[in-house]
Amino acid sequence: MKTKAISLFSGGLDSILSVKVIQDQQIEVVGVTFETPFFSAQKAREAARAISIPLVVVDFTQEHLVMLHSPRYGYGKNMNPCLDCHTLMLKTAGSRMAEMEAAFLFTGEVLGQRPCPRTSNHYP
């Protein structure tokens, strides 16, 4: 039985490269991306098609709105509120690991990079 992993997949270069690194270890990868009225999954859809990985698109609008109402790390003070968004995405994807038969979850996060650069669409 082949090992399977879930990638938090934005479609950006970092997430594409992280998928390739995991695939090079003979691990099957399924991408998971998120969508709300605030951001689209279009870039992830296009990139997943280009590198031929299956992609699950999760609309987590309701959960996202609850988080935005009271982000643990505040609105731009101290920690960037995108940290709360990333945490929500990791928890949501993590809760699907058993049903997707995934051994682990990974992101394309880069150590030391701001959690929500202006050019990102809010996830790894």
PDB file of N, CA and C in Angstrom:
ATOM      1  N   MET A   1       0.838  -1.180   0.000  1.00  0.00           N
ATOM      2  CA  MET A   1       0.000   0.000   0.000  1.00  0.00           C
ATOM      3  C   MET A   1       0.889   1.253   0.000  1.00  0.00           C
ATOM      4  N   LYS A   2       0.615   2.159  -0.914  1.00  0.00           N
ATOM      5  CA  LYS A   2       1.412   3.373  -1.061  1.00  0.00           C
ATOM      6  C   LYS A   2       1.000   4.407  -0.008  1.00  0.00           C
ATOM      7  N   THR A   3       1.981   5.098   0.565  1.00  0.00           N
ATOM      8  CA  THR A   3       1.717   6.161   1.527  1.00  0.00           C
ATOM      9  C   THR A   3       1.086   7.339   0.801  1.00  0.00           C
ATOM     10  N   LYS A   4       0.115   7.970   1.460  1.00  0.00           N
ATOM     11  CA  LYS A   4      -0.559   9.135   0.894  1.00  0.00           C
ATOM     12  C   LYS A   4      -0.405  10.312   1.855  1.00  0.00           C
ATOM     13  N   ALA A   5      -0.269  11.516   1.293  1.00  0.00           N
ATOM     14  CA  ALA A   5      -0.147  12.730   2.092  1.00  0.00           C
ATOM     15  C   ALA A   5      -1.063  13.805   1.533  1.00  0.00           C
ATOM     16  N   ILE A   6      -1.450  14.727   2.390  1.00  0.00           N
ATOM     17  CA  ILE A   6      -2.267  15.876   1.997  1.00  0.00           C
ATOM     18  C   ILE A   6      -1.377  17.104   1.950  1.00  0.00           C
ATOM     19  N   SER A   7      -1.449  17.820   0.848  1.00  0.00           N
ATOM     20  CA  SER A   7      -0.740  19.090   0.694  1.00  0.00           C
ATOM     21  C   SER A   7      -1.729  20.235   0.836  1.00  0.00           C
ATOM     22  N   LEU A   8      -1.444  21.188   1.731  1.00  0.00           N
ATOM     23  CA  LEU A   8      -2.193  22.436   1.698  1.00  0.00           C
ATOM     24  C   LEU A   8      -1.652  23.167   0.479  1.00  0.00           C
ATOM     25  N   PHE A   9      -2.478  23.271  -0.537  1.00  0.00           N
ATOM     26  CA  PHE A   9      -2.006  23.634  -1.870  1.00  0.00           C
ATOM     27  C   PHE A   9      -2.640  24.924  -2.353  1.00  0.00           C
ATOM     28  N   SER A  10      -1.831  25.981  -2.474  1.00  0.00           N
ATOM     29  CA  SER A  10      -2.321  27.268  -2.967  1.00  0.00           C
ATOM     30  C   SER A  10      -2.150  27.415  -4.468  1.00  0.00           C
ATOM     31  N   GLY A  11      -1.241  26.627  -5.022  1.00  0.00           N
ATOM     32  CA  GLY A  11      -0.914  26.771  -6.438  1.00  0.00           C
ATOM     33  C   GLY A  11       0.291  27.653  -6.669  1.00  0.00           C
ATOM     34  N   GLY A  12       0.849  28.204  -5.601  1.00  0.00           N
ATOM     35  CA  GLY A  12       2.054  29.008  -5.713  1.00  0.00           C
ATOM     36  C   GLY A  12       3.294  28.125  -5.847  1.00  0.00           C
ATOM     37  N   LEU A  13       4.406  28.739  -6.163  1.00  0.00           N
ATOM     38  CA  LEU A  13       5.649  28.007  -6.384  1.00  0.00           C
ATOM     39  C   LEU A  13       6.039  27.149  -5.184  1.00  0.00           C
ATOM     40  N   ASP A  14       5.921  27.689  -3.978  1.00  0.00           N
ATOM     41  CA  ASP A  14       6.317  26.934  -2.791  1.00  0.00           C
ATOM     42  C   ASP A  14       5.484  25.669  -2.617  1.00  0.00           C
ATOM     43  N   SER A  15       4.186  25.761  -2.844  1.00  0.00           N
ATOM     44  CA  SER A  15       3.361  24.557  -2.677  1.00  0.00           C
ATOM     45  C   SER A  15       3.624  23.552  -3.801  1.00  0.00           C
ATOM     46  N   ILE A  16       3.872  24.034  -5.000  1.00  0.00           N
ATOM     47  CA  ILE A  16       4.198  23.130  -6.118  1.00  0.00           C
ATOM     48  C   ILE A  16       5.505  22.389  -5.828  1.00  0.00           C
ATOM     49  N   LEU A  17       6.526  23.122  -5.396  1.00  0.00           N
ATOM     50  CA  LEU A  17       7.817  22.499  -5.095  1.00  0.00           C
ATOM     51  C   LEU A  17       7.712  21.497  -3.946  1.00  0.00           C
ATOM     52  N   SER A  18       6.941  21.837  -2.918  1.00  0.00           N
ATOM     53  CA  SER A  18       6.807  20.907  -1.793  1.00  0.00           C
ATOM     54  C   SER A  18       6.121  19.619  -2.231  1.00  0.00           C
ATOM     55  N   VAL A  19       5.151  19.709  -3.138  1.00  0.00           N
ATOM     56  CA  VAL A  19       4.507  18.509  -3.675  1.00  0.00           C
ATOM     57  C   VAL A  19       5.540  17.654  -4.406  1.00  0.00           C
ATOM     58  N   LYS A  20       6.354  18.280  -5.230  1.00  0.00           N
ATOM     59  CA  LYS A  20       7.360  17.533  -5.993  1.00  0.00           C
ATOM     60  C   LYS A  20       8.368  16.833  -5.070  1.00  0.00           C
ATOM     61  N   VAL A  21       8.772  17.495  -3.992  1.00  0.00           N
ATOM     62  CA  VAL A  21       9.708  16.892  -3.040  1.00  0.00           C
ATOM     63  C   VAL A  21       9.083  15.643  -2.411  1.00  0.00           C
ATOM     64  N   ILE A  22       7.824  15.725  -2.036  1.00  0.00           N
ATOM     65  CA  ILE A  22       7.142  14.573  -1.424  1.00  0.00           C
ATOM     66  C   ILE A  22       6.928  13.475  -2.460  1.00  0.00           C
ATOM     67  N   GLN A  23       6.512  13.834  -3.669  1.00  0.00           N
ATOM     68  CA  GLN A  23       6.317  12.827  -4.715  1.00  0.00           C
ATOM     69  C   GLN A  23       7.619  12.105  -5.061  1.00  0.00           C
ATOM     70  N   ASP A  24       8.738  12.800  -4.991  1.00  0.00           N
ATOM     71  CA  ASP A  24      10.039  12.179  -5.272  1.00  0.00           C
ATOM     72  C   ASP A  24      10.373  11.073  -4.274  1.00  0.00           C
ATOM     73  N   GLN A  25       9.646  11.028  -3.162  1.00  0.00           N
ATOM     74  CA  GLN A  25       9.838   9.982  -2.152  1.00  0.00           C
ATOM     75  C   GLN A  25       8.820   8.855  -2.328  1.00  0.00           C
ATOM     76  N   GLN A  26       8.205   8.801  -3.517  1.00  0.00           N
ATOM     77  CA  GLN A  26       7.221   7.765  -3.857  1.00  0.00           C
ATOM     78  C   GLN A  26       5.981   7.821  -2.964  1.00  0.00           C
ATOM     79  N   ILE A  27       5.586   9.035  -2.568  1.00  0.00           N
ATOM     80  CA  ILE A  27       4.394   9.250  -1.745  1.00  0.00           C
ATOM     81  C   ILE A  27       3.325   9.889  -2.619  1.00  0.00           C
ATOM     82  N   GLU A  28       2.125   9.342  -2.555  1.00  0.00           N
ATOM     83  CA  GLU A  28       0.987   9.889  -3.301  1.00  0.00           C
ATOM     84  C   GLU A  28       0.531  11.177  -2.620  1.00  0.00           C
ATOM     85  N   VAL A  29       0.258  12.211  -3.404  1.00  0.00           N
ATOM     86  CA  VAL A  29      -0.143  13.510  -2.851  1.00  0.00           C
ATOM     87  C   VAL A  29      -1.515  13.903  -3.370  1.00  0.00           C
ATOM     88  N   VAL A  30      -2.351  14.362  -2.426  1.00  0.00           N
ATOM     89  CA  VAL A  30      -3.646  14.955  -2.755  1.00  0.00           C
ATOM     90  C   VAL A  30      -3.588  16.389  -2.256  1.00  0.00           C
ATOM     91  N   GLY A  31      -3.910  17.343  -3.119  1.00  0.00           N
ATOM     92  CA  GLY A  31      -3.930  18.739  -2.725  1.00  0.00           C
ATOM     93  C   GLY A  31      -5.259  19.107  -2.092  1.00  0.00           C
ATOM     94  N   VAL A  32      -5.195  19.964  -1.088  1.00  0.00           N
ATOM     95  CA  VAL A  32      -6.396  20.535  -0.482  1.00  0.00           C
ATOM     96  C   VAL A  32      -6.217  22.038  -0.511  1.00  0.00           C
ATOM     97  N   THR A  33      -7.222  22.726  -1.036  1.00  0.00           N
ATOM     98  CA  THR A  33      -7.187  24.187  -1.080  1.00  0.00           C
ATOM     99  C   THR A  33      -8.498  24.724  -0.529  1.00  0.00           C
ATOM    100  N   PHE A  34      -8.522  25.998  -0.230  1.00  0.00           N
ATOM    101  CA  PHE A  34      -9.674  26.592   0.433  1.00  0.00           C
ATOM    102  C   PHE A  34     -10.221  27.765  -0.360  1.00  0.00           C
ATOM    103  N   GLU A  35     -11.506  27.980  -0.152  1.00  0.00           N
ATOM    104  CA  GLU A  35     -12.199  29.032  -0.886  1.00  0.00           C
ATOM    105  C   GLU A  35     -13.206  29.693   0.053  1.00  0.00           C
ATOM    106  N   THR A  36     -13.305  31.008  -0.031  1.00  0.00           N
ATOM    107  CA  THR A  36     -14.329  31.795   0.662  1.00  0.00           C
ATOM    108  C   THR A  36     -14.685  32.946  -0.285  1.00  0.00           C
ATOM    109  N   PRO A  37     -15.660  33.769   0.065  1.00  0.00           N
ATOM    110  CA  PRO A  37     -15.910  34.948  -0.770  1.00  0.00           C
ATOM    111  C   PRO A  37     -14.722  35.913  -0.804  1.00  0.00           C
ATOM    112  N   PHE A  38     -13.776  35.741   0.128  1.00  0.00           N
ATOM    113  CA  PHE A  38     -12.616  36.630   0.205  1.00  0.00           C
ATOM    114  C   PHE A  38     -11.468  36.177  -0.678  1.00  0.00           C
ATOM    115  N   PHE A  39     -11.390  34.884  -1.000  1.00  0.00           N
ATOM    116  CA  PHE A  39     -10.332  34.386  -1.875  1.00  0.00           C
ATOM    117  C   PHE A  39     -10.787  33.147  -2.628  1.00  0.00           C
ATOM    118  N   SER A  40     -10.243  33.005  -3.809  1.00  0.00           N
ATOM    119  CA  SER A  40     -10.639  31.967  -4.754  1.00  0.00           C
ATOM    120  C   SER A  40      -9.624  30.823  -4.780  1.00  0.00           C
ATOM    121  N   ALA A  41     -10.072  29.682  -5.283  1.00  0.00           N
ATOM    122  CA  ALA A  41      -9.200  28.520  -5.445  1.00  0.00           C
ATOM    123  C   ALA A  41      -8.712  28.385  -6.886  1.00  0.00           C
ATOM    124  N   GLN A  42      -8.940  29.386  -7.714  1.00  0.00           N
ATOM    125  CA  GLN A  42      -8.621  29.289  -9.135  1.00  0.00           C
ATOM    126  C   GLN A  42      -7.148  28.989  -9.411  1.00  0.00           C
ATOM    127  N   LYS A  43      -6.249  29.694  -8.720  1.00  0.00           N
ATOM    128  CA  LYS A  43      -4.812  29.476  -8.933  1.00  0.00           C
ATOM    129  C   LYS A  43      -4.431  28.036  -8.569  1.00  0.00           C
ATOM    130  N   ALA A  44      -4.988  27.523  -7.504  1.00  0.00           N
ATOM    131  CA  ALA A  44      -4.709  26.140  -7.094  1.00  0.00           C
ATOM    132  C   ALA A  44      -5.262  25.151  -8.110  1.00  0.00           C
ATOM    133  N   ARG A  45      -6.453  25.414  -8.622  1.00  0.00           N
ATOM    134  CA  ARG A  45      -7.038  24.531  -9.637  1.00  0.00           C
ATOM    135  C   ARG A  45      -6.135  24.439 -10.874  1.00  0.00           C
ATOM    136  N   GLU A  46      -5.676  25.592 -11.337  1.00  0.00           N
ATOM    137  CA  GLU A  46      -4.819  25.630 -12.527  1.00  0.00           C
ATOM    138  C   GLU A  46      -3.491  24.909 -12.288  1.00  0.00           C
ATOM    139  N   ALA A  47      -2.867  25.149 -11.137  1.00  0.00           N
ATOM    140  CA  ALA A  47      -1.582  24.525 -10.833  1.00  0.00           C
ATOM    141  C   ALA A  47      -1.736  23.014 -10.639  1.00  0.00           C
ATOM    142  N   ALA A  48      -2.801  22.586  -9.978  1.00  0.00           N
ATOM    143  CA  ALA A  48      -3.025  21.142  -9.768  1.00  0.00           C
ATOM    144  C   ALA A  48      -3.205  20.436 -11.108  1.00  0.00           C
ATOM    145  N   ARG A  49      -3.916  21.082 -12.007  1.00  0.00           N
ATOM    146  CA  ARG A  49      -4.084  20.519 -13.358  1.00  0.00           C
ATOM    147  C   ARG A  49      -2.733  20.419 -14.060  1.00  0.00           C
ATOM    148  N   ALA A  50      -1.916  21.457 -13.919  1.00  0.00           N
ATOM    149  CA  ALA A  50      -0.614  21.503 -14.609  1.00  0.00           C
ATOM    150  C   ALA A  50       0.345  20.422 -14.108  1.00  0.00           C
ATOM    151  N   ILE A  51       0.281  20.102 -12.814  1.00  0.00           N
ATOM    152  CA  ILE A  51       1.206  19.087 -12.287  1.00  0.00           C
ATOM    153  C   ILE A  51       0.502  17.750 -12.041  1.00  0.00           C
ATOM    154  N   SER A  52      -0.729  17.644 -12.463  1.00  0.00           N
ATOM    155  CA  SER A  52      -1.502  16.389 -12.417  1.00  0.00           C
ATOM    156  C   SER A  52      -1.649  15.789 -11.027  1.00  0.00           C
ATOM    157  N   ILE A  53      -2.102  16.620 -10.067  1.00  0.00           N
ATOM    158  CA  ILE A  53      -2.447  16.052  -8.764  1.00  0.00           C
ATOM    159  C   ILE A  53      -3.939  16.262  -8.521  1.00  0.00           C
ATOM    160  N   PRO A  54      -4.569  15.335  -7.824  1.00  0.00           N
ATOM    161  CA  PRO A  54      -5.967  15.542  -7.472  1.00  0.00           C
ATOM    162  C   PRO A  54      -6.075  16.699  -6.479  1.00  0.00           C
ATOM    163  N   LEU A  55      -7.151  17.461  -6.578  1.00  0.00           N
ATOM    164  CA  LEU A  55      -7.336  18.626  -5.722  1.00  0.00           C
ATOM    165  C   LEU A  55      -8.726  18.620  -5.118  1.00  0.00           C
ATOM    166  N   VAL A  56      -8.783  18.787  -3.812  1.00  0.00           N
ATOM    167  CA  VAL A  56     -10.049  18.924  -3.095  1.00  0.00           C
ATOM    168  C   VAL A  56     -10.195  20.399  -2.743  1.00  0.00           C
ATOM    169  N   VAL A  57     -11.300  21.011  -3.164  1.00  0.00           N
ATOM    170  CA  VAL A  57     -11.560  22.415  -2.865  1.00  0.00           C
ATOM    171  C   VAL A  57     -12.578  22.465  -1.723  1.00  0.00           C
ATOM    172  N   VAL A  58     -12.197  23.120  -0.634  1.00  0.00           N
ATOM    173  CA  VAL A  58     -13.048  23.204   0.551  1.00  0.00           C
ATOM    174  C   VAL A  58     -13.546  24.635   0.697  1.00  0.00           C
ATOM    175  N   ASP A  59     -14.859  24.801   0.675  1.00  0.00           N
ATOM    176  CA  ASP A  59     -15.451  26.111   0.979  1.00  0.00           C
ATOM    177  C   ASP A  59     -15.656  26.140   2.488  1.00  0.00           C
ATOM    178  N   PHE A  60     -14.844  26.920   3.173  1.00  0.00           N
ATOM    179  CA  PHE A  60     -14.987  26.994   4.623  1.00  0.00           C
ATOM    180  C   PHE A  60     -15.386  28.405   5.059  1.00  0.00           C
ATOM    181  N   THR A  61     -16.293  28.979   4.307  1.00  0.00           N
ATOM    182  CA  THR A  61     -16.757  30.342   4.557  1.00  0.00           C
ATOM    183  C   THR A  61     -17.267  30.531   5.980  1.00  0.00           C
ATOM    184  N   GLN A  62     -18.130  29.637   6.436  1.00  0.00           N
ATOM    185  CA  GLN A  62     -18.721  29.817   7.770  1.00  0.00           C
ATOM    186  C   GLN A  62     -17.660  29.778   8.864  1.00  0.00           C
ATOM    187  N   GLU A  63     -16.773  28.796   8.819  1.00  0.00           N
ATOM    188  CA  GLU A  63     -15.710  28.685   9.814  1.00  0.00           C
ATOM    189  C   GLU A  63     -14.769  29.889   9.738  1.00  0.00           C
ATOM    190  N   HIS A  64     -14.501  30.345   8.534  1.00  0.00           N
ATOM    191  CA  HIS A  64     -13.618  31.488   8.322  1.00  0.00           C
ATOM    192  C   HIS A  64     -14.245  32.761   8.907  1.00  0.00           C
ATOM    193  N   LEU A  65     -15.539  32.946   8.713  1.00  0.00           N
ATOM    194  CA  LEU A  65     -16.218  34.120   9.261  1.00  0.00           C
ATOM    195  C   LEU A  65     -16.198  34.120  10.788  1.00  0.00           C
ATOM    196  N   VAL A  66     -16.370  32.951  11.385  1.00  0.00           N
ATOM    197  CA  VAL A  66     -16.296  32.845  12.845  1.00  0.00           C
ATOM    198  C   VAL A  66     -14.902  33.256  13.315  1.00  0.00           C
ATOM    199  N   MET A  67     -13.868  32.763  12.644  1.00  0.00           N
ATOM    200  CA  MET A  67     -12.498  33.112  13.005  1.00  0.00           C
ATOM    201  C   MET A  67     -12.255  34.610  12.828  1.00  0.00           C
ATOM    202  N   LEU A  68     -12.739  35.179  11.732  1.00  0.00           N
ATOM    203  CA  LEU A  68     -12.531  36.609  11.478  1.00  0.00           C
ATOM    204  C   LEU A  68     -13.220  37.491  12.512  1.00  0.00           C
ATOM    205  N   HIS A  69     -14.305  37.002  13.067  1.00  0.00           N
ATOM    206  CA  HIS A  69     -15.037  37.768  14.090  1.00  0.00           C
ATOM    207  C   HIS A  69     -14.182  37.970  15.341  1.00  0.00           C
ATOM    208  N   SER A  70     -13.360  36.978  15.652  1.00  0.00           N
ATOM    209  CA  SER A  70     -12.542  37.076  16.856  1.00  0.00           C
ATOM    210  C   SER A  70     -11.227  36.304  16.683  1.00  0.00           C
ATOM    211  N   PRO A  71     -10.315  36.830  15.855  1.00  0.00           N
ATOM    212  CA  PRO A  71      -9.053  36.113  15.649  1.00  0.00           C
ATOM    213  C   PRO A  71      -8.204  36.110  16.925  1.00  0.00           C
ATOM    214  N   ARG A  72      -7.688  34.963  17.258  1.00  0.00           N
ATOM    215  CA  ARG A  72      -6.890  34.797  18.476  1.00  0.00           C
ATOM    216  C   ARG A  72      -5.727  35.785  18.522  1.00  0.00           C
ATOM    217  N   TYR A  73      -5.090  36.037  17.384  1.00  0.00           N
ATOM    218  CA  TYR A  73      -3.908  36.890  17.356  1.00  0.00           C
ATOM    219  C   TYR A  73      -4.217  38.340  16.980  1.00  0.00           C
ATOM    220  N   GLY A  74      -5.482  38.695  16.921  1.00  0.00           N
ATOM    221  CA  GLY A  74      -5.865  40.084  16.714  1.00  0.00           C
ATOM    222  C   GLY A  74      -5.874  40.512  15.263  1.00  0.00           C
ATOM    223  N   TYR A  75      -6.279  41.740  15.044  1.00  0.00           N
ATOM    224  CA  TYR A  75      -6.398  42.315  13.709  1.00  0.00           C
ATOM    225  C   TYR A  75      -5.148  43.112  13.358  1.00  0.00           C
ATOM    226  N   GLY A  76      -4.104  42.438  12.940  1.00  0.00           N
ATOM    227  CA  GLY A  76      -2.902  43.125  12.482  1.00  0.00           C
ATOM    228  C   GLY A  76      -1.978  43.594  13.579  1.00  0.00           C
ATOM    229  N   LYS A  77      -2.346  43.398  14.831  1.00  0.00           N
ATOM    230  CA  LYS A  77      -1.430  43.758  15.906  1.00  0.00           C
ATOM    231  C   LYS A  77      -0.730  42.486  16.371  1.00  0.00           C
ATOM    232  N   ASN A  78       0.455  42.618  16.875  1.00  0.00           N
ATOM    233  CA  ASN A  78       1.267  41.482  17.317  1.00  0.00           C
ATOM    234  C   ASN A  78       1.495  40.519  16.157  1.00  0.00           C
ATOM    235  N   MET A  79       0.764  39.420  16.098  1.00  0.00           N
ATOM    236  CA  MET A  79       0.914  38.443  15.017  1.00  0.00           C
ATOM    237  C   MET A  79      -0.036  38.819  13.886  1.00  0.00           C
ATOM    238  N   ASN A  80       0.344  38.500  12.664  1.00  0.00           N
ATOM    239  CA  ASN A  80      -0.512  38.744  11.515  1.00  0.00           C
ATOM    240  C   ASN A  80      -1.755  37.858  11.634  1.00  0.00           C
ATOM    241  N   PRO A  81      -2.976  38.391  11.407  1.00  0.00           N
ATOM    242  CA  PRO A  81      -4.181  37.567  11.544  1.00  0.00           C
ATOM    243  C   PRO A  81      -4.223  36.387  10.577  1.00  0.00           C
ATOM    244  N   CYS A  82      -3.370  36.391   9.555  1.00  0.00           N
ATOM    245  CA  CYS A  82      -3.326  35.238   8.659  1.00  0.00           C
ATOM    246  C   CYS A  82      -2.854  33.989   9.382  1.00  0.00           C
ATOM    247  N   LEU A  83      -2.184  34.150  10.507  1.00  0.00           N
ATOM    248  CA  LEU A  83      -1.800  33.000  11.311  1.00  0.00           C
ATOM    249  C   LEU A  83      -3.051  32.246  11.742  1.00  0.00           C
ATOM    250  N   ASP A  84      -4.097  32.982  12.106  1.00  0.00           N
ATOM    251  CA  ASP A  84      -5.365  32.343  12.464  1.00  0.00           C
ATOM    252  C   ASP A  84      -5.970  31.619  11.267  1.00  0.00           C
ATOM    253  N   CYS A  85      -5.864  32.210  10.090  1.00  0.00           N
ATOM    254  CA  CYS A  85      -6.386  31.595   8.864  1.00  0.00           C
ATOM    255  C   CYS A  85      -5.622  30.306   8.557  1.00  0.00           C
ATOM    256  N   HIS A  86      -4.308  30.346   8.660  1.00  0.00           N
ATOM    257  CA  HIS A  86      -3.493  29.150   8.399  1.00  0.00           C
ATOM    258  C   HIS A  86      -3.813  28.048   9.405  1.00  0.00           C
ATOM    259  N   THR A  87      -3.982  28.425  10.665  1.00  0.00           N
ATOM    260  CA  THR A  87      -4.328  27.448  11.688  1.00  0.00           C
ATOM    261  C   THR A  87      -5.655  26.784  11.363  1.00  0.00           C
ATOM    262  N   LEU A  88      -6.629  27.568  10.949  1.00  0.00           N
ATOM    263  CA  LEU A  88      -7.934  27.024  10.575  1.00  0.00           C
ATOM    264  C   LEU A  88      -7.808  26.066   9.394  1.00  0.00           C
ATOM    265  N   MET A  89      -6.999  26.420   8.413  1.00  0.00           N
ATOM    266  CA  MET A  89      -6.802  25.548   7.253  1.00  0.00           C
ATOM    267  C   MET A  89      -6.135  24.231   7.656  1.00  0.00           C
ATOM    268  N   LEU A  90      -5.118  24.315   8.498  1.00  0.00           N
ATOM    269  CA  LEU A  90      -4.434  23.101   8.948  1.00  0.00           C
ATOM    270  C   LEU A  90      -5.381  22.199   9.743  1.00  0.00           C
ATOM    271  N   LYS A  91      -6.166  22.784  10.626  1.00  0.00           N
ATOM    272  CA  LYS A  91      -7.125  21.991  11.407  1.00  0.00           C
ATOM    273  C   LYS A  91      -8.167  21.344  10.504  1.00  0.00           C
ATOM    274  N   THR A  92      -8.663  22.102   9.540  1.00  0.00           N
ATOM    275  CA  THR A  92      -9.696  21.584   8.630  1.00  0.00           C
ATOM    276  C   THR A  92      -9.138  20.444   7.780  1.00  0.00           C
ATOM    277  N   ALA A  93      -7.971  20.644   7.196  1.00  0.00           N
ATOM    278  CA  ALA A  93      -7.352  19.585   6.391  1.00  0.00           C
ATOM    279  C   ALA A  93      -6.980  18.390   7.270  1.00  0.00           C
ATOM    280  N   GLY A  94      -6.469  18.664   8.453  1.00  0.00           N
ATOM    281  CA  GLY A  94      -6.101  17.597   9.375  1.00  0.00           C
ATOM    282  C   GLY A  94      -7.282  16.736   9.773  1.00  0.00           C
ATOM    283  N   SER A  95      -8.449  17.353   9.882  1.00  0.00           N
ATOM    284  CA  SER A  95      -9.643  16.593  10.260  1.00  0.00           C
ATOM    285  C   SER A  95     -10.093  15.641   9.146  1.00  0.00           C
ATOM    286  N   ARG A  96      -9.566  15.815   7.943  1.00  0.00           N
ATOM    287  CA  ARG A  96      -9.922  14.958   6.802  1.00  0.00           C
ATOM    288  C   ARG A  96      -8.893  13.860   6.538  1.00  0.00           C
ATOM    289  N   MET A  97      -7.854  13.807   7.334  1.00  0.00           N
ATOM    290  CA  MET A  97      -6.782  12.841   7.082  1.00  0.00           C
ATOM    291  C   MET A  97      -7.286  11.394   7.104  1.00  0.00           C
ATOM    292  N   ALA A  98      -8.088  11.047   8.083  1.00  0.00           N
ATOM    293  CA  ALA A  98      -8.564   9.657   8.186  1.00  0.00           C
ATOM    294  C   ALA A  98      -9.419   9.280   6.981  1.00  0.00           C
ATOM    295  N   GLU A  99     -10.382  10.145   6.631  1.00  0.00           N
ATOM    296  CA  GLU A  99     -11.257   9.810   5.498  1.00  0.00           C
ATOM    297  C   GLU A  99     -10.497   9.764   4.174  1.00  0.00           C
ATOM    298  N   MET A 100      -9.405  10.524   4.061  1.00  0.00           N
ATOM    299  CA  MET A 100      -8.603  10.518   2.839  1.00  0.00           C
ATOM    300  C   MET A 100      -7.468   9.502   2.913  1.00  0.00           C
ATOM    301  N   GLU A 101      -7.391   8.779   4.032  1.00  0.00           N
ATOM    302  CA  GLU A 101      -6.353   7.767   4.251  1.00  0.00           C
ATOM    303  C   GLU A 101      -4.949   8.332   4.084  1.00  0.00           C
ATOM    304  N   ALA A 102      -4.741   9.538   4.623  1.00  0.00           N
ATOM    305  CA  ALA A 102      -3.443  10.212   4.531  1.00  0.00           C
ATOM    306  C   ALA A 102      -2.625   9.971   5.797  1.00  0.00           C
ATOM    307  N   ALA A 103      -1.339   9.738   5.609  1.00  0.00           N
ATOM    308  CA  ALA A 103      -0.431   9.502   6.731  1.00  0.00           C
ATOM    309  C   ALA A 103       0.037  10.808   7.372  1.00  0.00           C
ATOM    310  N   PHE A 104       0.112  11.867   6.568  1.00  0.00           N
ATOM    311  CA  PHE A 104       0.548  13.153   7.102  1.00  0.00           C
ATOM    312  C   PHE A 104       0.070  14.293   6.211  1.00  0.00           C
ATOM    313  N   LEU A 105       0.272  15.491   6.725  1.00  0.00           N
ATOM    314  CA  LEU A 105      -0.148  16.731   6.082  1.00  0.00           C
ATOM    315  C   LEU A 105       1.092  17.609   5.963  1.00  0.00           C
ATOM    316  N   PHE A 106       1.215  18.341   4.857  1.00  0.00           N
ATOM    317  CA  PHE A 106       2.361  19.237   4.714  1.00  0.00           C
ATOM    318  C   PHE A 106       1.943  20.510   3.988  1.00  0.00           C
ATOM    319  N   THR A 107       2.793  21.524   4.093  1.00  0.00           N
ATOM    320  CA  THR A 107       2.541  22.806   3.438  1.00  0.00           C
ATOM    321  C   THR A 107       3.784  23.220   2.666  1.00  0.00           C
ATOM    322  N   GLY A 108       3.656  24.290   1.934  1.00  0.00           N
ATOM    323  CA  GLY A 108       4.800  24.882   1.251  1.00  0.00           C
ATOM    324  C   GLY A 108       5.342  26.067   2.011  1.00  0.00           C
ATOM    325  N   GLU A 109       5.011  26.155   3.315  1.00  0.00           N
ATOM    326  CA  GLU A 109       5.494  27.272   4.126  1.00  0.00           C
ATOM    327  C   GLU A 109       7.007  27.345   4.097  1.00  0.00           C
ATOM    328  N   VAL A 110       7.520  28.552   4.070  1.00  0.00           N
ATOM    329  CA  VAL A 110       8.960  28.784   4.080  1.00  0.00           C
ATOM    330  C   VAL A 110       9.314  29.435   5.411  1.00  0.00           C
ATOM    331  N   LEU A 111      10.224  28.802   6.146  1.00  0.00           N
ATOM    332  CA  LEU A 111      10.628  29.301   7.452  1.00  0.00           C
ATOM    333  C   LEU A 111      11.092  30.750   7.357  1.00  0.00           C
ATOM    334  N   GLY A 112      10.532  31.600   8.209  1.00  0.00           N
ATOM    335  CA  GLY A 112      10.926  33.003   8.237  1.00  0.00           C
ATOM    336  C   GLY A 112      10.135  33.893   7.295  1.00  0.00           C
ATOM    337  N   GLN A 113       9.325  33.306   6.427  1.00  0.00           N
ATOM    338  CA  GLN A 113       8.516  34.101   5.509  1.00  0.00           C
ATOM    339  C   GLN A 113       7.286  34.596   6.259  1.00  0.00           C
ATOM    340  N   ARG A 114       6.855  35.814   5.971  1.00  0.00           N
ATOM    341  CA  ARG A 114       5.638  36.319   6.601  1.00  0.00           C
ATOM    342  C   ARG A 114       4.496  35.349   6.331  1.00  0.00           C
ATOM    343  N   PRO A 115       3.616  35.133   7.310  1.00  0.00           N
ATOM    344  CA  PRO A 115       2.530  34.188   7.107  1.00  0.00           C
ATOM    345  C   PRO A 115       1.531  34.594   6.028  1.00  0.00           C
ATOM    346  N   CYS A 116       1.453  35.871   5.694  1.00  0.00           N
ATOM    347  CA  CYS A 116       0.468  36.303   4.707  1.00  0.00           C
ATOM    348  C   CYS A 116       1.017  37.444   3.866  1.00  0.00           C
ATOM    349  N   PRO A 117       1.984  37.160   2.980  1.00  0.00           N
ATOM    350  CA  PRO A 117       2.515  38.238   2.153  1.00  0.00           C
ATOM    351  C   PRO A 117       1.430  38.823   1.256  1.00  0.00           C
ATOM    352  N   ARG A 118       1.583  40.068   0.888  1.00  0.00           N
ATOM    353  CA  ARG A 118       0.568  40.760   0.079  1.00  0.00           C
ATOM    354  C   ARG A 118       0.237  40.039  -1.213  1.00  0.00           C
ATOM    355  N   THR A 119       1.181  39.269  -1.738  1.00  0.00           N
ATOM    356  CA  THR A 119       0.945  38.598  -3.022  1.00  0.00           C
ATOM    357  C   THR A 119       0.295  37.222  -2.868  1.00  0.00           C
ATOM    358  N   SER A 120       0.135  36.742  -1.634  1.00  0.00           N
ATOM    359  CA  SER A 120      -0.436  35.399  -1.467  1.00  0.00           C
ATOM    360  C   SER A 120      -1.948  35.453  -1.534  1.00  0.00           C
ATOM    361  N   ASN A 121      -2.550  34.281  -1.657  1.00  0.00           N
ATOM    362  CA  ASN A 121      -4.002  34.221  -1.576  1.00  0.00           C
ATOM    363  C   ASN A 121      -4.376  33.522  -0.275  1.00  0.00           C
ATOM    364  N   HIS A 122      -3.627  33.800   0.778  1.00  0.00           N
ATOM    365  CA  HIS A 122      -3.916  33.469   2.158  1.00  0.00           C
ATOM    366  C   HIS A 122      -3.662  32.044   2.614  1.00  0.00           C
ATOM    367  N   TYR A 123      -2.896  31.283   1.922  1.00  0.00           N
ATOM    368  CA  TYR A 123      -2.530  29.964   2.426  1.00  0.00           C
ATOM    369  C   TYR A 123      -1.229  29.500   1.815  1.00  0.00           C
ATOM    370  N   PRO A 124      -0.669  28.431   2.429  1.00  0.00           N
ATOM    371  CA  PRO A 124       0.655  27.978   2.029  1.00  0.00           C
ATOM    372  C   PRO A 124       0.813  27.606   0.590  1.00  0.00           C
TER     373      PRO A 124
END
